[in-house]
């Protein structure tokens, strides 16, 4: 695992990927973590599962952390 950095991701985080979804949205909510990362499109609510290594390569930035979202409500 040379050159790979660990990205701490939690259920409820909002992330932006490098490519936008066909519906036009860039943002996704993390709904599952583990060997696969489960994502839900915030626009059309489509579910997507991708392996953690592919997710790490596709991730552009973390928009909001789940802990920050809970603190604001």
PDB file of N, CA and C in Angstrom:
ATOM      1  N   UNK A   1       0.835  -1.192   0.000  1.00  0.00           N
ATOM      2  CA  UNK A   1       0.000   0.000   0.000  1.00  0.00           C
ATOM      3  C   UNK A   1       0.876   1.250   0.000  1.00  0.00           C
ATOM      4  N   UNK A   2       1.858   1.269  -0.862  1.00  0.00           N
ATOM      5  CA  UNK A   2       2.728   2.433  -0.961  1.00  0.00           C
ATOM      6  C   UNK A   2       1.983   3.603  -1.574  1.00  0.00           C
ATOM      7  N   UNK A   3       2.213   4.793  -1.035  1.00  0.00           N
ATOM      8  CA  UNK A   3       1.657   6.003  -1.624  1.00  0.00           C
ATOM      9  C   UNK A   3       0.186   6.224  -1.374  1.00  0.00           C
ATOM     10  N   UNK A   4      -0.462   5.328  -0.646  1.00  0.00           N
ATOM     11  CA  UNK A   4      -1.880   5.508  -0.386  1.00  0.00           C
ATOM     12  C   UNK A   4      -2.060   6.104   0.997  1.00  0.00           C
ATOM     13  N   UNK A   5      -2.806   7.180   1.063  1.00  0.00           N
ATOM     14  CA  UNK A   5      -3.082   7.769   2.352  1.00  0.00           C
ATOM     15  C   UNK A   5      -4.476   7.357   2.806  1.00  0.00           C
ATOM     16  N   UNK A   6      -4.627   7.223   4.105  1.00  0.00           N
ATOM     17  CA  UNK A   6      -5.917   6.843   4.668  1.00  0.00           C
ATOM     18  C   UNK A   6      -6.799   8.078   4.761  1.00  0.00           C
ATOM     19  N   UNK A   7      -8.002   7.986   4.244  1.00  0.00           N
ATOM     20  CA  UNK A   7      -8.968   9.074   4.323  1.00  0.00           C
ATOM     21  C   UNK A   7     -10.018   8.673   5.339  1.00  0.00           C
ATOM     22  N   UNK A   8     -10.144   9.460   6.377  1.00  0.00           N
ATOM     23  CA  UNK A   8     -11.133   9.172   7.408  1.00  0.00           C
ATOM     24  C   UNK A   8     -12.496   9.654   6.921  1.00  0.00           C
ATOM     25  N   UNK A   9     -13.396   8.721   6.727  1.00  0.00           N
ATOM     26  CA  UNK A   9     -14.736   9.020   6.207  1.00  0.00           C
ATOM     27  C   UNK A   9     -15.742   8.388   7.153  1.00  0.00           C
ATOM     28  N   UNK A  10     -16.845   9.079   7.402  1.00  0.00           N
ATOM     29  CA  UNK A  10     -17.863   8.609   8.330  1.00  0.00           C
ATOM     30  C   UNK A  10     -19.237   8.644   7.658  1.00  0.00           C
ATOM     31  N   UNK A  11     -20.139   7.806   8.153  1.00  0.00           N
ATOM     32  CA  UNK A  11     -21.515   7.806   7.662  1.00  0.00           C
ATOM     33  C   UNK A  11     -22.121   9.175   7.954  1.00  0.00           C
ATOM     34  N   UNK A  12     -22.738   9.773   6.943  1.00  0.00           N
ATOM     35  CA  UNK A  12     -23.352  11.085   7.080  1.00  0.00           C
ATOM     36  C   UNK A  12     -22.532  12.212   6.472  1.00  0.00           C
ATOM     37  N   UNK A  13     -21.264  11.949   6.134  1.00  0.00           N
ATOM     38  CA  UNK A  13     -20.438  12.970   5.495  1.00  0.00           C
ATOM     39  C   UNK A  13     -20.976  13.282   4.103  1.00  0.00           C
ATOM     40  N   UNK A  14     -20.825  14.538   3.686  1.00  0.00           N
ATOM     41  CA  UNK A  14     -21.184  14.964   2.335  1.00  0.00           C
ATOM     42  C   UNK A  14     -19.875  15.132   1.572  1.00  0.00           C
ATOM     43  N   UNK A  15     -19.765  14.467   0.414  1.00  0.00           N
ATOM     44  CA  UNK A  15     -18.523  14.503  -0.358  1.00  0.00           C
ATOM     45  C   UNK A  15     -18.794  14.939  -1.791  1.00  0.00           C
ATOM     46  N   UNK A  16     -17.749  15.435  -2.442  1.00  0.00           N
ATOM     47  CA  UNK A  16     -17.805  15.784  -3.867  1.00  0.00           C
ATOM     48  C   UNK A  16     -16.827  14.880  -4.584  1.00  0.00           C
ATOM     49  N   UNK A  17     -17.282  14.248  -5.672  1.00  0.00           N
ATOM     50  CA  UNK A  17     -16.431  13.379  -6.473  1.00  0.00           C
ATOM     51  C   UNK A  17     -15.907  14.135  -7.685  1.00  0.00           C
ATOM     52  N   UNK A  18     -14.910  13.572  -8.352  1.00  0.00           N
ATOM     53  CA  UNK A  18     -14.291  14.239  -9.500  1.00  0.00           C
ATOM     54  C   UNK A  18     -15.225  14.347 -10.697  1.00  0.00           C
ATOM     55  N   UNK A  19     -16.098  13.359 -10.856  1.00  0.00           N
ATOM     56  CA  UNK A  19     -17.052  13.382 -11.972  1.00  0.00           C
ATOM     57  C   UNK A  19     -18.452  13.582 -11.422  1.00  0.00           C
ATOM     58  N   UNK A  20     -19.261  14.354 -12.128  1.00  0.00           N
ATOM     59  CA  UNK A  20     -20.632  14.546 -11.653  1.00  0.00           C
ATOM     60  C   UNK A  20     -21.522  13.387 -12.086  1.00  0.00           C
ATOM     61  N   UNK A  21     -22.591  13.211 -11.353  1.00  0.00           N
ATOM     62  CA  UNK A  21     -23.571  12.168 -11.627  1.00  0.00           C
ATOM     63  C   UNK A  21     -24.344  12.544 -12.896  1.00  0.00           C
ATOM     64  N   UNK A  22     -24.855  11.594 -13.654  1.00  0.00           N
ATOM     65  CA  UNK A  22     -25.626  11.921 -14.860  1.00  0.00           C
ATOM     66  C   UNK A  22     -26.817  12.853 -14.607  1.00  0.00           C
ATOM     67  N   UNK A  23     -27.336  12.894 -13.375  1.00  0.00           N
ATOM     68  CA  UNK A  23     -28.457  13.794 -13.078  1.00  0.00           C
ATOM     69  C   UNK A  23     -27.976  15.245 -12.959  1.00  0.00           C
ATOM     70  N   UNK A  24     -26.651  15.454 -12.876  1.00  0.00           N
ATOM     71  CA  UNK A  24     -26.094  16.800 -12.807  1.00  0.00           C
ATOM     72  C   UNK A  24     -25.560  17.197 -11.443  1.00  0.00           C
ATOM     73  N   UNK A  25     -25.764  16.366 -10.434  1.00  0.00           N
ATOM     74  CA  UNK A  25     -25.320  16.682  -9.080  1.00  0.00           C
ATOM     75  C   UNK A  25     -23.861  16.277  -8.874  1.00  0.00           C
ATOM     76  N   UNK A  26     -23.159  17.038  -8.043  1.00  0.00           N
ATOM     77  CA  UNK A  26     -21.776  16.731  -7.675  1.00  0.00           C
ATOM     78  C   UNK A  26     -21.682  16.138  -6.272  1.00  0.00           C
ATOM     79  N   UNK A  27     -22.705  16.333  -5.430  1.00  0.00           N
ATOM     80  CA  UNK A  27     -22.605  15.964  -4.017  1.00  0.00           C
ATOM     81  C   UNK A  27     -23.280  14.633  -3.696  1.00  0.00           C
ATOM     82  N   UNK A  28     -22.628  13.909  -2.780  1.00  0.00           N
ATOM     83  CA  UNK A  28     -23.080  12.602  -2.347  1.00  0.00           C
ATOM     84  C   UNK A  28     -23.028  12.525  -0.838  1.00  0.00           C
ATOM     85  N   UNK A  29     -23.944  11.764  -0.228  1.00  0.00           N
ATOM     86  CA  UNK A  29     -23.922  11.497   1.218  1.00  0.00           C
ATOM     87  C   UNK A  29     -23.424  10.074   1.427  1.00  0.00           C
ATOM     88  N   UNK A  30     -22.497   9.907   2.359  1.00  0.00           N
ATOM     89  CA  UNK A  30     -21.958   8.586   2.687  1.00  0.00           C
ATOM     90  C   UNK A  30     -22.974   7.870   3.581  1.00  0.00           C
ATOM     91  N   UNK A  31     -23.404   6.667   3.169  1.00  0.00           N
ATOM     92  CA  UNK A  31     -24.394   5.908   3.937  1.00  0.00           C
ATOM     93  C   UNK A  31     -23.839   4.590   4.457  1.00  0.00           C
ATOM     94  N   UNK A  32     -22.621   4.223   4.023  1.00  0.00           N
ATOM     95  CA  UNK A  32     -22.021   2.963   4.472  1.00  0.00           C
ATOM     96  C   UNK A  32     -20.514   3.082   4.344  1.00  0.00           C
ATOM     97  N   UNK A  33     -19.802   2.559   5.320  1.00  0.00           N
ATOM     98  CA  UNK A  33     -18.347   2.485   5.231  1.00  0.00           C
ATOM     99  C   UNK A  33     -17.919   1.056   5.484  1.00  0.00           C
ATOM    100  N   UNK A  34     -16.768   0.722   5.046  1.00  0.00           N
ATOM    101  CA  UNK A  34     -16.235  -0.628   5.181  1.00  0.00           C
ATOM    102  C   UNK A  34     -15.345  -0.887   3.993  1.00  0.00           C
ATOM    103  N   UNK A  35     -15.336  -2.122   3.493  1.00  0.00           N
ATOM    104  CA  UNK A  35     -14.550  -2.427   2.300  1.00  0.00           C
ATOM    105  C   UNK A  35     -15.105  -1.654   1.109  1.00  0.00           C
ATOM    106  N   UNK A  36     -16.434  -1.502   1.070  1.00  0.00           N
ATOM    107  CA  UNK A  36     -17.104  -0.679   0.055  1.00  0.00           C
ATOM    108  C   UNK A  36     -17.650   0.567   0.723  1.00  0.00           C
ATOM    109  N   UNK A  37     -17.701   1.647  -0.029  1.00  0.00           N
ATOM    110  CA  UNK A  37     -18.292   2.895   0.450  1.00  0.00           C
ATOM    111  C   UNK A  37     -19.649   3.031  -0.229  1.00  0.00           C
ATOM    112  N   UNK A  38     -20.697   3.207   0.550  1.00  0.00           N
ATOM    113  CA  UNK A  38     -22.039   3.407   0.018  1.00  0.00           C
ATOM    114  C   UNK A  38     -22.337   4.887  -0.044  1.00  0.00           C
ATOM    115  N   UNK A  39     -22.824   5.341  -1.197  1.00  0.00           N
ATOM    116  CA  UNK A  39     -23.127   6.747  -1.423  1.00  0.00           C
ATOM    117  C   UNK A  39     -24.553   6.907  -1.930  1.00  0.00           C
ATOM    118  N   UNK A  40     -25.155   8.057  -1.608  1.00  0.00           N
ATOM    119  CA  UNK A  40     -26.474   8.404  -2.132  1.00  0.00           C
ATOM    120  C   UNK A  40     -26.365   9.781  -2.752  1.00  0.00           C
ATOM    121  N   UNK A  41     -26.805   9.913  -3.997  1.00  0.00           N
ATOM    122  CA  UNK A  41     -26.798  11.205  -4.683  1.00  0.00           C
ATOM    123  C   UNK A  41     -27.787  12.141  -3.978  1.00  0.00           C
ATOM    124  N   UNK A  42     -27.368  13.361  -3.699  1.00  0.00           N
ATOM    125  CA  UNK A  42     -28.241  14.292  -2.988  1.00  0.00           C
ATOM    126  C   UNK A  42     -29.324  14.874  -3.886  1.00  0.00           C
ATOM    127  N   UNK A  43     -29.200  14.725  -5.198  1.00  0.00           N
ATOM    128  CA  UNK A  43     -30.202  15.264  -6.110  1.00  0.00           C
ATOM    129  C   UNK A  43     -31.288  14.235  -6.450  1.00  0.00           C
ATOM    130  N   UNK A  44     -30.872  13.072  -6.947  1.00  0.00           N
ATOM    131  CA  UNK A  44     -31.852  12.084  -7.411  1.00  0.00           C
ATOM    132  C   UNK A  44     -31.998  10.891  -6.466  1.00  0.00           C
ATOM    133  N   UNK A  45     -31.199  10.830  -5.395  1.00  0.00           N
ATOM    134  CA  UNK A  45     -31.258   9.790  -4.367  1.00  0.00           C
ATOM    135  C   UNK A  45     -30.885   8.398  -4.882  1.00  0.00           C
ATOM    136  N   UNK A  46     -30.115   8.331  -5.954  1.00  0.00           N
ATOM    137  CA  UNK A  46     -29.624   7.066  -6.476  1.00  0.00           C
ATOM    138  C   UNK A  46     -28.525   6.544  -5.555  1.00  0.00           C
ATOM    139  N   UNK A  47     -28.527   5.237  -5.286  1.00  0.00           N
ATOM    140  CA  UNK A  47     -27.505   4.624  -4.431  1.00  0.00           C
ATOM    141  C   UNK A  47     -26.371   4.084  -5.290  1.00  0.00           C
ATOM    142  N   UNK A  48     -25.166   4.163  -4.727  1.00  0.00           N
ATOM    143  CA  UNK A  48     -23.977   3.699  -5.422  1.00  0.00           C
ATOM    144  C   UNK A  48     -23.035   3.083  -4.402  1.00  0.00           C
ATOM    145  N   UNK A  49     -22.431   1.960  -4.746  1.00  0.00           N
ATOM    146  CA  UNK A  49     -21.415   1.341  -3.905  1.00  0.00           C
ATOM    147  C   UNK A  49     -20.134   1.251  -4.707  1.00  0.00           C
ATOM    148  N   UNK A  50     -19.020   1.660  -4.103  1.00  0.00           N
ATOM    149  CA  UNK A  50     -17.737   1.542  -4.783  1.00  0.00           C
ATOM    150  C   UNK A  50     -16.678   1.081  -3.802  1.00  0.00           C
ATOM    151  N   UNK A  51     -15.697   0.332  -4.297  1.00  0.00           N
ATOM    152  CA  UNK A  51     -14.612  -0.114  -3.427  1.00  0.00           C
ATOM    153  C   UNK A  51     -13.884   1.092  -2.825  1.00  0.00           C
ATOM    154  N   UNK A  52     -13.352   0.914  -1.623  1.00  0.00           N
ATOM    155  CA  UNK A  52     -12.696   2.008  -0.903  1.00  0.00           C
ATOM    156  C   UNK A  52     -11.547   2.620  -1.708  1.00  0.00           C
ATOM    157  N   UNK A  53     -10.750   1.808  -2.405  1.00  0.00           N
ATOM    158  CA  UNK A  53      -9.628   2.363  -3.155  1.00  0.00           C
ATOM    159  C   UNK A  53     -10.100   3.204  -4.338  1.00  0.00           C
ATOM    160  N   UNK A  54     -11.165   2.784  -5.004  1.00  0.00           N
ATOM    161  CA  UNK A  54     -11.718   3.589  -6.094  1.00  0.00           C
ATOM    162  C   UNK A  54     -12.330   4.876  -5.545  1.00  0.00           C
ATOM    163  N   UNK A  55     -12.993   4.794  -4.396  1.00  0.00           N
ATOM    164  CA  UNK A  55     -13.550   5.982  -3.759  1.00  0.00           C
ATOM    165  C   UNK A  55     -12.442   6.979  -3.437  1.00  0.00           C
ATOM    166  N   UNK A  56     -11.328   6.491  -2.907  1.00  0.00           N
ATOM    167  CA  UNK A  56     -10.205   7.362  -2.557  1.00  0.00           C
ATOM    168  C   UNK A  56      -9.683   8.095  -3.793  1.00  0.00           C
ATOM    169  N   UNK A  57      -9.611   7.415  -4.917  1.00  0.00           N
ATOM    170  CA  UNK A  57      -9.146   8.048  -6.160  1.00  0.00           C
ATOM    171  C   UNK A  57     -10.181   9.015  -6.725  1.00  0.00           C
ATOM    172  N   UNK A  58     -11.474   8.735  -6.525  1.00  0.00           N
ATOM    173  CA  UNK A  58     -12.553   9.563  -7.082  1.00  0.00           C
ATOM    174  C   UNK A  58     -12.900  10.770  -6.231  1.00  0.00           C
ATOM    175  N   UNK A  59     -12.505  10.770  -4.969  1.00  0.00           N
ATOM    176  CA  UNK A  59     -12.867  11.844  -4.049  1.00  0.00           C
ATOM    177  C   UNK A  59     -12.151  13.139  -4.405  1.00  0.00           C
ATOM    178  N   UNK A  60     -12.926  14.207  -4.554  1.00  0.00           N
ATOM    179  CA  UNK A  60     -12.332  15.522  -4.801  1.00  0.00           C
ATOM    180  C   UNK A  60     -12.193  16.283  -3.494  1.00  0.00           C
ATOM    181  N   UNK A  61     -13.289  16.344  -2.700  1.00  0.00           N
ATOM    182  CA  UNK A  61     -13.198  16.985  -1.395  1.00  0.00           C
ATOM    183  C   UNK A  61     -14.367  16.587  -0.519  1.00  0.00           C
ATOM    184  N   UNK A  62     -14.180  16.771   0.773  1.00  0.00           N
ATOM    185  CA  UNK A  62     -15.247  16.527   1.743  1.00  0.00           C
ATOM    186  C   UNK A  62     -15.925  17.858   1.992  1.00  0.00           C
ATOM    187  N   UNK A  63     -17.205  17.959   1.650  1.00  0.00           N
ATOM    188  CA  UNK A  63     -17.960  19.206   1.773  1.00  0.00           C
ATOM    189  C   UNK A  63     -18.329  19.472   3.228  1.00  0.00           C
ATOM    190  N   UNK A  64     -18.872  18.469   3.899  1.00  0.00           N
ATOM    191  CA  UNK A  64     -19.304  18.634   5.297  1.00  0.00           C
ATOM    192  C   UNK A  64     -19.121  17.317   6.030  1.00  0.00           C
ATOM    193  N   UNK A  65     -18.706  17.417   7.264  1.00  0.00           N
ATOM    194  CA  UNK A  65     -18.556  16.250   8.131  1.00  0.00           C
ATOM    195  C   UNK A  65     -19.873  15.974   8.839  1.00  0.00           C
ATOM    196  N   UNK A  66     -20.151  14.717   9.109  1.00  0.00           N
ATOM    197  CA  UNK A  66     -21.385  14.323   9.797  1.00  0.00           C
ATOM    198  C   UNK A  66     -21.467  14.983  11.163  1.00  0.00           C
ATOM    199  N   UNK A  67     -20.349  15.091  11.865  1.00  0.00           N
ATOM    200  CA  UNK A  67     -20.349  15.694  13.197  1.00  0.00           C
ATOM    201  C   UNK A  67     -20.715  17.176  13.125  1.00  0.00           C
ATOM    202  N   UNK A  68     -20.289  17.881  12.072  1.00  0.00           N
ATOM    203  CA  UNK A  68     -20.647  19.294  11.904  1.00  0.00           C
ATOM    204  C   UNK A  68     -22.126  19.458  11.585  1.00  0.00           C
ATOM    205  N   UNK A  69     -22.651  18.549  10.781  1.00  0.00           N
ATOM    206  CA  UNK A  69     -24.068  18.613  10.396  1.00  0.00           C
ATOM    207  C   UNK A  69     -24.949  18.394  11.634  1.00  0.00           C
ATOM    208  N   UNK A  70     -24.586  17.406  12.463  1.00  0.00           N
ATOM    209  CA  UNK A  70     -25.368  17.120  13.688  1.00  0.00           C
ATOM    210  C   UNK A  70     -25.296  18.278  14.669  1.00  0.00           C
ATOM    211  N   UNK A  71     -24.152  18.963  14.742  1.00  0.00           N
ATOM    212  CA  UNK A  71     -23.986  20.069  15.680  1.00  0.00           C
ATOM    213  C   UNK A  71     -24.858  21.268  15.302  1.00  0.00           C
ATOM    214  N   UNK A  72     -25.132  21.427  14.004  1.00  0.00           N
ATOM    215  CA  UNK A  72     -25.945  22.553  13.527  1.00  0.00           C
ATOM    216  C   UNK A  72     -27.444  22.322  13.681  1.00  0.00           C
ATOM    217  N   UNK A  73     -27.863  21.092  13.909  1.00  0.00           N
ATOM    218  CA  UNK A  73     -29.301  20.812  14.021  1.00  0.00           C
ATOM    219  C   UNK A  73     -29.759  20.837  15.438  1.00  0.00           C
TER     220      UNK A  73
END
